[in-house]
Amino acid sequence: TGLGLSICKSLAEGLKGNINVKSELGIGSVFSIDLP
């Protein structure tokens, strides 16, 4: 639906955390969530 990451961002904020993403075309991506 294209809702997954949007919901994840809201959930992370509710957990007092934040989401980070690093990516490079043709190389790959790293998604992470920082939590206290």
PDB file of all heavy atoms in Angstrom:
ATOM      1  N   THR A   1       0.807  -1.221   0.000  1.00  0.00           N
ATOM      2  CA  THR A   1       0.000   0.000   0.000  1.00  0.00           C
ATOM      3  C   THR A   1       0.835   1.264   0.000  1.00  0.00           C
ATOM      4  O   THR A   1       0.311   2.353  -0.220  1.00  0.00           O
ATOM      5  CB  THR A   1      -0.884   0.021   1.273  1.00  0.00           C
ATOM      6  OG1 THR A   1      -0.031  -0.005   2.422  1.00  0.00           O
ATOM      7  CG2 THR A   1      -1.831  -1.171   1.291  1.00  0.00           C
ATOM      8  N   GLY A   2       2.140   1.134   0.284  1.00  0.00           N
ATOM      9  CA  GLY A   2       2.957   2.331   0.429  1.00  0.00           C
ATOM     10  C   GLY A   2       2.769   2.995   1.779  1.00  0.00           C
ATOM     11  O   GLY A   2       3.109   4.162   1.962  1.00  0.00           O
ATOM     12  N   LEU A   3       2.228   2.253   2.750  1.00  0.00           N
ATOM     13  CA  LEU A   3       1.988   2.798   4.088  1.00  0.00           C
ATOM     14  C   LEU A   3       3.029   2.344   5.106  1.00  0.00           C
ATOM     15  O   LEU A   3       3.160   2.930   6.175  1.00  0.00           O
ATOM     16  CB  LEU A   3       0.599   2.375   4.591  1.00  0.00           C
ATOM     17  CG  LEU A   3      -0.607   2.973   3.891  1.00  0.00           C
ATOM     18  CD1 LEU A   3      -1.882   2.315   4.396  1.00  0.00           C
ATOM     19  CD2 LEU A   3      -0.670   4.468   4.104  1.00  0.00           C
ATOM     20  N   GLY A   4       3.770   1.277   4.777  1.00  0.00           N
ATOM     21  CA  GLY A   4       4.637   0.638   5.758  1.00  0.00           C
ATOM     22  C   GLY A   4       5.630   1.563   6.427  1.00  0.00           C
ATOM     23  O   GLY A   4       5.680   1.653   7.657  1.00  0.00           O
ATOM     24  N   LEU A   5       6.446   2.272   5.644  1.00  0.00           N
ATOM     25  CA  LEU A   5       7.475   3.124   6.232  1.00  0.00           C
ATOM     26  C   LEU A   5       6.876   4.335   6.933  1.00  0.00           C
ATOM     27  O   LEU A   5       7.427   4.816   7.929  1.00  0.00           O
ATOM     28  CB  LEU A   5       8.462   3.568   5.151  1.00  0.00           C
ATOM     29  CG  LEU A   5       9.422   2.479   4.649  1.00  0.00           C
ATOM     30  CD1 LEU A   5      10.293   3.005   3.526  1.00  0.00           C
ATOM     31  CD2 LEU A   5      10.295   1.945   5.788  1.00  0.00           C
ATOM     32  N   SER A   6       5.750   4.829   6.418  1.00  0.00           N
ATOM     33  CA  SER A   6       5.081   5.943   7.078  1.00  0.00           C
ATOM     34  C   SER A   6       4.610   5.535   8.471  1.00  0.00           C
ATOM     35  O   SER A   6       4.789   6.275   9.449  1.00  0.00           O
ATOM     36  CB  SER A   6       3.880   6.413   6.240  1.00  0.00           C
ATOM     37  OG  SER A   6       3.121   7.367   6.934  1.00  0.00           O
ATOM     38  N   ILE A   7       4.044   4.340   8.577  1.00  0.00           N
ATOM     39  CA  ILE A   7       3.593   3.832   9.871  1.00  0.00           C
ATOM     40  C   ILE A   7       4.790   3.575  10.779  1.00  0.00           C
ATOM     41  O   ILE A   7       4.767   3.895  11.973  1.00  0.00           O
ATOM     42  CB  ILE A   7       2.759   2.551   9.674  1.00  0.00           C
ATOM     43  CG1 ILE A   7       1.429   2.893   8.980  1.00  0.00           C
ATOM     44  CG2 ILE A   7       2.505   1.850  11.004  1.00  0.00           C
ATOM     45  CD1 ILE A   7       0.625   1.688   8.571  1.00  0.00           C
ATOM     46  N   CYS A   8       5.870   3.031  10.219  1.00  0.00           N
ATOM     47  CA  CYS A   8       7.084   2.785  11.016  1.00  0.00           C
ATOM     48  C   CYS A   8       7.621   4.077  11.624  1.00  0.00           C
ATOM     49  O   CYS A   8       8.060   4.096  12.777  1.00  0.00           O
ATOM     50  CB  CYS A   8       8.162   2.143  10.138  1.00  0.00           C
ATOM     51  SG  CYS A   8       7.859   0.402   9.747  1.00  0.00           S
ATOM     52  N   LYS A   9       7.599   5.145  10.842  1.00  0.00           N
ATOM     53  CA  LYS A   9       8.089   6.430  11.345  1.00  0.00           C
ATOM     54  C   LYS A   9       7.254   6.900  12.531  1.00  0.00           C
ATOM     55  O   LYS A   9       7.795   7.361  13.548  1.00  0.00           O
ATOM     56  CB  LYS A   9       8.052   7.470  10.228  1.00  0.00           C
ATOM     57  CG  LYS A   9       8.624   8.823  10.629  1.00  0.00           C
ATOM     58  CD  LYS A   9       8.583   9.809   9.474  1.00  0.00           C
ATOM     59  CE  LYS A   9       9.149  11.164   9.891  1.00  0.00           C
ATOM     60  NZ  LYS A   9       9.084  12.147   8.775  1.00  0.00           N
ATOM     61  N   SER A  10       5.931   6.783  12.417  1.00  0.00           N
ATOM     62  CA  SER A  10       5.054   7.188  13.520  1.00  0.00           C
ATOM     63  C   SER A  10       5.260   6.301  14.744  1.00  0.00           C
ATOM     64  O   SER A  10       5.254   6.777  15.882  1.00  0.00           O
ATOM     65  CB  SER A  10       3.585   7.136  13.074  1.00  0.00           C
ATOM     66  OG  SER A  10       3.341   8.057  12.030  1.00  0.00           O
ATOM     67  N   LEU A  11       5.443   4.994  14.520  1.00  0.00           N
ATOM     68  CA  LEU A  11       5.682   4.072  15.631  1.00  0.00           C
ATOM     69  C   LEU A  11       6.994   4.403  16.334  1.00  0.00           C
ATOM     70  O   LEU A  11       7.078   4.389  17.568  1.00  0.00           O
ATOM     71  CB  LEU A  11       5.709   2.627  15.124  1.00  0.00           C
ATOM     72  CG  LEU A  11       4.398   2.041  14.612  1.00  0.00           C
ATOM     73  CD1 LEU A  11       4.625   0.636  14.070  1.00  0.00           C
ATOM     74  CD2 LEU A  11       3.342   2.017  15.698  1.00  0.00           C
ATOM     75  N   ALA A  12       8.029   4.705  15.552  1.00  0.00           N
ATOM     76  CA  ALA A  12       9.329   5.044  16.132  1.00  0.00           C
ATOM     77  C   ALA A  12       9.225   6.289  17.001  1.00  0.00           C
ATOM     78  O   ALA A  12       9.798   6.348  18.099  1.00  0.00           O
ATOM     79  CB  ALA A  12      10.355   5.255  15.023  1.00  0.00           C
ATOM     80  N   GLU A  13       8.492   7.277  16.533  1.00  0.00           N
ATOM     81  CA  GLU A  13       8.297   8.497  17.315  1.00  0.00           C
ATOM     82  C   GLU A  13       7.563   8.186  18.618  1.00  0.00           C
ATOM     83  O   GLU A  13       7.869   8.750  19.671  1.00  0.00           O
ATOM     84  CB  GLU A  13       7.535   9.529  16.491  1.00  0.00           C
ATOM     85  CG  GLU A  13       8.351  10.079  15.321  1.00  0.00           C
ATOM     86  CD  GLU A  13       7.512  10.916  14.363  1.00  0.00           C
ATOM     87  OE1 GLU A  13       6.272  10.962  14.550  1.00  0.00           O
ATOM     88  OE2 GLU A  13       8.089  11.508  13.440  1.00  0.00           O
ATOM     89  N   GLY A  14       6.569   7.270  18.536  1.00  0.00           N
ATOM     90  CA  GLY A  14       5.844   6.870  19.741  1.00  0.00           C
ATOM     91  C   GLY A  14       6.736   6.163  20.746  1.00  0.00           C
ATOM     92  O   GLY A  14       6.511   6.243  21.954  1.00  0.00           O
ATOM     93  N   LEU A  15       7.781   5.481  20.249  1.00  0.00           N
ATOM     94  CA  LEU A  15       8.732   4.786  21.115  1.00  0.00           C
ATOM     95  C   LEU A  15       9.887   5.691  21.538  1.00  0.00           C
ATOM     96  O   LEU A  15      10.867   5.220  22.110  1.00  0.00           O
ATOM     97  CB  LEU A  15       9.293   3.549  20.392  1.00  0.00           C
ATOM     98  CG  LEU A  15       8.290   2.435  20.062  1.00  0.00           C
ATOM     99  CD1 LEU A  15       8.955   1.372  19.201  1.00  0.00           C
ATOM    100  CD2 LEU A  15       7.728   1.821  21.330  1.00  0.00           C
ATOM    101  N   LYS A  16       9.753   6.995  21.225  1.00  0.00           N
ATOM    102  CA  LYS A  16      10.783   7.991  21.542  1.00  0.00           C
ATOM    103  C   LYS A  16      12.102   7.692  20.818  1.00  0.00           C
ATOM    104  O   LYS A  16      13.200   7.900  21.350  1.00  0.00           O
ATOM    105  CB  LYS A  16      11.012   8.087  23.050  1.00  0.00           C
ATOM    106  CG  LYS A  16       9.799   8.606  23.819  1.00  0.00           C
ATOM    107  CD  LYS A  16      10.080   8.692  25.310  1.00  0.00           C
ATOM    108  CE  LYS A  16       8.954   9.397  26.050  1.00  0.00           C
ATOM    109  NZ  LYS A  16       7.623   8.849  25.800  1.00  0.00           N
ATOM    110  N   GLY A  17      11.969   7.175  19.602  1.00  0.00           N
ATOM    111  CA  GLY A  17      13.138   6.877  18.791  1.00  0.00           C
ATOM    112  C   GLY A  17      13.050   7.573  17.449  1.00  0.00           C
ATOM    113  O   GLY A  17      12.149   8.379  17.205  1.00  0.00           O
ATOM    114  N   ASN A  18      13.988   7.276  16.582  1.00  0.00           N
ATOM    115  CA  ASN A  18      13.948   7.846  15.242  1.00  0.00           C
ATOM    116  C   ASN A  18      14.560   6.870  14.242  1.00  0.00           C
ATOM    117  O   ASN A  18      15.405   6.036  14.594  1.00  0.00           O
ATOM    118  CB  ASN A  18      14.686   9.193  15.188  1.00  0.00           C
ATOM    119  CG  ASN A  18      16.157   9.059  15.533  1.00  0.00           C
ATOM    120  OD1 ASN A  18      16.499   8.978  16.710  1.00  0.00           O
ATOM    121  ND2 ASN A  18      17.026   9.033  14.527  1.00  0.00           N
ATOM    122  N   ILE A  19      14.103   6.980  13.000  1.00  0.00           N
ATOM    123  CA  ILE A  19      14.534   6.089  11.929  1.00  0.00           C
ATOM    124  C   ILE A  19      15.575   6.787  11.060  1.00  0.00           C
ATOM    125  O   ILE A  19      15.448   7.974  10.755  1.00  0.00           O
ATOM    126  CB  ILE A  19      13.330   5.643  11.074  1.00  0.00           C
ATOM    127  CG1 ILE A  19      12.436   4.705  11.893  1.00  0.00           C
ATOM    128  CG2 ILE A  19      13.783   4.944   9.796  1.00  0.00           C
ATOM    129  CD1 ILE A  19      11.176   4.278  11.178  1.00  0.00           C
ATOM    130  N   ASN A  20      16.594   6.028  10.673  1.00  0.00           N
ATOM    131  CA  ASN A  20      17.642   6.529   9.794  1.00  0.00           C
ATOM    132  C   ASN A  20      17.727   5.633   8.560  1.00  0.00           C
ATOM    133  O   ASN A  20      17.447   4.426   8.641  1.00  0.00           O
ATOM    134  CB  ASN A  20      19.000   6.536  10.494  1.00  0.00           C
ATOM    135  CG  ASN A  20      18.958   7.251  11.834  1.00  0.00           C
ATOM    136  OD1 ASN A  20      18.917   8.459  11.887  1.00  0.00           O
ATOM    137  ND2 ASN A  20      18.946   6.488  12.923  1.00  0.00           N
ATOM    138  N   VAL A  21      18.128   6.215   7.443  1.00  0.00           N
ATOM    139  CA  VAL A  21      18.315   5.426   6.223  1.00  0.00           C
ATOM    140  C   VAL A  21      19.520   5.950   5.455  1.00  0.00           C
ATOM    141  O   VAL A  21      19.715   7.158   5.330  1.00  0.00           O
ATOM    142  CB  VAL A  21      17.044   5.449   5.340  1.00  0.00           C
ATOM    143  CG1 VAL A  21      16.643   6.873   4.975  1.00  0.00           C
ATOM    144  CG2 VAL A  21      17.255   4.630   4.071  1.00  0.00           C
ATOM    145  N   LYS A  22      20.339   5.015   5.014  1.00  0.00           N
ATOM    146  CA  LYS A  22      21.451   5.312   4.116  1.00  0.00           C
ATOM    147  C   LYS A  22      21.336   4.381   2.917  1.00  0.00           C
ATOM    148  O   LYS A  22      21.057   3.186   3.086  1.00  0.00           O
ATOM    149  CB  LYS A  22      22.794   5.105   4.810  1.00  0.00           C
ATOM    150  CG  LYS A  22      23.061   6.042   5.977  1.00  0.00           C
ATOM    151  CD  LYS A  22      24.417   5.745   6.610  1.00  0.00           C
ATOM    152  CE  LYS A  22      24.681   6.675   7.786  1.00  0.00           C
ATOM    153  NZ  LYS A  22      25.997   6.370   8.433  1.00  0.00           N
ATOM    154  N   SER A  23      21.551   4.912   1.728  1.00  0.00           N
ATOM    155  CA  SER A  23      21.388   4.076   0.552  1.00  0.00           C
ATOM    156  C   SER A  23      22.235   4.579  -0.599  1.00  0.00           C
ATOM    157  O   SER A  23      22.541   5.776  -0.687  1.00  0.00           O
ATOM    158  CB  SER A  23      19.914   4.038   0.135  1.00  0.00           C
ATOM    159  OG  SER A  23      19.710   3.100  -0.906  1.00  0.00           O
ATOM    160  N   GLU A  24      22.596   3.638  -1.466  1.00  0.00           N
ATOM    161  CA  GLU A  24      23.352   3.976  -2.662  1.00  0.00           C
ATOM    162  C   GLU A  24      22.845   3.100  -3.799  1.00  0.00           C
ATOM    163  O   GLU A  24      22.741   1.873  -3.654  1.00  0.00           O
ATOM    164  CB  GLU A  24      24.844   3.740  -2.424  1.00  0.00           C
ATOM    165  CG  GLU A  24      25.730   4.275  -3.529  1.00  0.00           C
ATOM    166  CD  GLU A  24      27.210   4.154  -3.198  1.00  0.00           C
ATOM    167  OE1 GLU A  24      27.528   3.907  -2.007  1.00  0.00           O
ATOM    168  OE2 GLU A  24      28.032   4.301  -4.118  1.00  0.00           O
ATOM    169  N   LEU A  25      22.523   3.725  -4.914  1.00  0.00           N
ATOM    170  CA  LEU A  25      21.976   2.995  -6.055  1.00  0.00           C
ATOM    171  C   LEU A  25      22.914   1.872  -6.488  1.00  0.00           C
ATOM    172  O   LEU A  25      24.118   2.074  -6.661  1.00  0.00           O
ATOM    173  CB  LEU A  25      21.732   3.946  -7.226  1.00  0.00           C
ATOM    174  CG  LEU A  25      20.410   4.723  -7.227  1.00  0.00           C
ATOM    175  CD1 LEU A  25      20.347   5.679  -8.410  1.00  0.00           C
ATOM    176  CD2 LEU A  25      19.215   3.779  -7.260  1.00  0.00           C
ATOM    177  N   GLY A  26      22.336   0.690  -6.654  1.00  0.00           N
ATOM    178  CA  GLY A  26      23.096  -0.459  -7.114  1.00  0.00           C
ATOM    179  C   GLY A  26      23.962  -1.109  -6.056  1.00  0.00           C
ATOM    180  O   GLY A  26      24.566  -2.155  -6.298  1.00  0.00           O
ATOM    181  N   ILE A  27      24.053  -0.515  -4.874  1.00  0.00           N
ATOM    182  CA  ILE A  27      24.887  -1.047  -3.796  1.00  0.00           C
ATOM    183  C   ILE A  27      24.053  -1.642  -2.668  1.00  0.00           C
ATOM    184  O   ILE A  27      24.314  -2.728  -2.169  1.00  0.00           O
ATOM    185  CB  ILE A  27      25.819   0.049  -3.226  1.00  0.00           C
ATOM    186  CG1 ILE A  27      26.694   0.625  -4.339  1.00  0.00           C
ATOM    187  CG2 ILE A  27      26.661  -0.521  -2.093  1.00  0.00           C
ATOM    188  CD1 ILE A  27      27.633  -0.377  -4.980  1.00  0.00           C
ATOM    189  N   GLY A  28      23.006  -0.919  -2.261  1.00  0.00           N
ATOM    190  CA  GLY A  28      22.149  -1.408  -1.196  1.00  0.00           C
ATOM    191  C   GLY A  28      21.731  -0.315  -0.234  1.00  0.00           C
ATOM    192  O   GLY A  28      22.046   0.869  -0.437  1.00  0.00           O
ATOM    193  N   SER A  29      21.038  -0.713   0.823  1.00  0.00           N
ATOM    194  CA  SER A  29      20.491   0.244   1.789  1.00  0.00           C
ATOM    195  C   SER A  29      20.681  -0.264   3.212  1.00  0.00           C
ATOM    196  O   SER A  29      20.809  -1.475   3.446  1.00  0.00           O
ATOM    197  CB  SER A  29      18.992   0.471   1.542  1.00  0.00           C
ATOM    198  OG  SER A  29      18.738   0.868   0.211  1.00  0.00           O
ATOM    199  N   VAL A  30      20.691   0.683   4.133  1.00  0.00           N
ATOM    200  CA  VAL A  30      20.710   0.354   5.566  1.00  0.00           C
ATOM    201  C   VAL A  30      19.610   1.153   6.241  1.00  0.00           C
ATOM    202  O   VAL A  30      19.639   2.390   6.248  1.00  0.00           O
ATOM    203  CB  VAL A  30      22.062   0.698   6.224  1.00  0.00           C
ATOM    204  CG1 VAL A  30      22.008   0.309   7.707  1.00  0.00           C
ATOM    205  CG2 VAL A  30      23.207  -0.017   5.532  1.00  0.00           C
ATOM    206  N   PHE A  31      18.613   0.449   6.789  1.00  0.00           N
ATOM    207  CA  PHE A  31      17.546   1.080   7.571  1.00  0.00           C
ATOM    208  C   PHE A  31      17.791   0.759   9.037  1.00  0.00           C
ATOM    209  O   PHE A  31      18.115  -0.379   9.390  1.00  0.00           O
ATOM    210  CB  PHE A  31      16.173   0.545   7.154  1.00  0.00           C
ATOM    211  CG  PHE A  31      15.641   1.147   5.888  1.00  0.00           C
ATOM    212  CD1 PHE A  31      16.045   0.667   4.653  1.00  0.00           C
ATOM    213  CD2 PHE A  31      14.743   2.205   5.933  1.00  0.00           C
ATOM    214  CE1 PHE A  31      15.560   1.220   3.482  1.00  0.00           C
ATOM    215  CE2 PHE A  31      14.253   2.769   4.765  1.00  0.00           C
ATOM    216  CZ  PHE A  31      14.661   2.279   3.533  1.00  0.00           C
ATOM    217  N   SER A  32      17.646   1.762   9.885  1.00  0.00           N
ATOM    218  CA  SER A  32      17.883   1.540  11.311  1.00  0.00           C
ATOM    219  C   SER A  32      16.922   2.373  12.141  1.00  0.00           C
ATOM    220  O   SER A  32      16.366   3.364  11.678  1.00  0.00           O
ATOM    221  CB  SER A  32      19.330   1.901  11.673  1.00  0.00           C
ATOM    222  OG  SER A  32      19.595   3.268  11.409  1.00  0.00           O
ATOM    223  N   ILE A  33      16.739   1.923  13.378  1.00  0.00           N
ATOM    224  CA  ILE A  33      15.941   2.677  14.341  1.00  0.00           C
ATOM    225  C   ILE A  33      16.756   2.820  15.612  1.00  0.00           C
ATOM    226  O   ILE A  33      17.281   1.834  16.138  1.00  0.00           O
ATOM    227  CB  ILE A  33      14.578   2.010  14.629  1.00  0.00           C
ATOM    228  CG1 ILE A  33      13.870   2.754  15.779  1.00  0.00           C
ATOM    229  CG2 ILE A  33      14.709   0.530  14.924  1.00  0.00           C
ATOM    230  CD1 ILE A  33      12.460   2.288  16.039  1.00  0.00           C
ATOM    231  N   ASP A  34      16.882   4.046  16.089  1.00  0.00           N
ATOM    232  CA  ASP A  34      17.583   4.338  17.338  1.00  0.00           C
ATOM    233  C   ASP A  34      16.568   4.439  18.469  1.00  0.00           C
ATOM    234  O   ASP A  34      15.597   5.201  18.378  1.00  0.00           O
ATOM    235  CB  ASP A  34      18.354   5.651  17.237  1.00  0.00           C
ATOM    236  CG  ASP A  34      19.530   5.558  16.274  1.00  0.00           C
ATOM    237  OD1 ASP A  34      19.906   4.424  15.927  1.00  0.00           O
ATOM    238  OD2 ASP A  34      20.057   6.609  15.872  1.00  0.00           O
ATOM    239  N   LEU A  35      16.800   3.677  19.534  1.00  0.00           N
ATOM    240  CA  LEU A  35      15.918   3.695  20.702  1.00  0.00           C
ATOM    241  C   LEU A  35      16.718   3.977  21.960  1.00  0.00           C
ATOM    242  O   LEU A  35      17.829   3.463  22.120  1.00  0.00           O
ATOM    243  CB  LEU A  35      15.189   2.359  20.865  1.00  0.00           C
ATOM    244  CG  LEU A  35      14.098   1.997  19.856  1.00  0.00           C
ATOM    245  CD1 LEU A  35      13.526   0.631  20.195  1.00  0.00           C
ATOM    246  CD2 LEU A  35      12.997   3.044  19.853  1.00  0.00           C
ATOM    247  N   PRO A  36      16.165   4.764  22.870  1.00  0.00           N
ATOM    248  CA  PRO A  36      16.854   4.985  24.153  1.00  0.00           C
ATOM    249  C   PRO A  36      16.870   3.693  24.963  1.00  0.00           C
ATOM    250  O   PRO A  36      15.918   2.909  24.939  1.00  0.00           O
ATOM    251  CB  PRO A  36      16.000   6.061  24.830  1.00  0.00           C
ATOM    252  CG  PRO A  36      14.642   5.936  24.203  1.00  0.00           C
ATOM    253  CD  PRO A  36      14.890   5.504  22.788  1.00  0.00           C
TER     254      PRO A  36
END
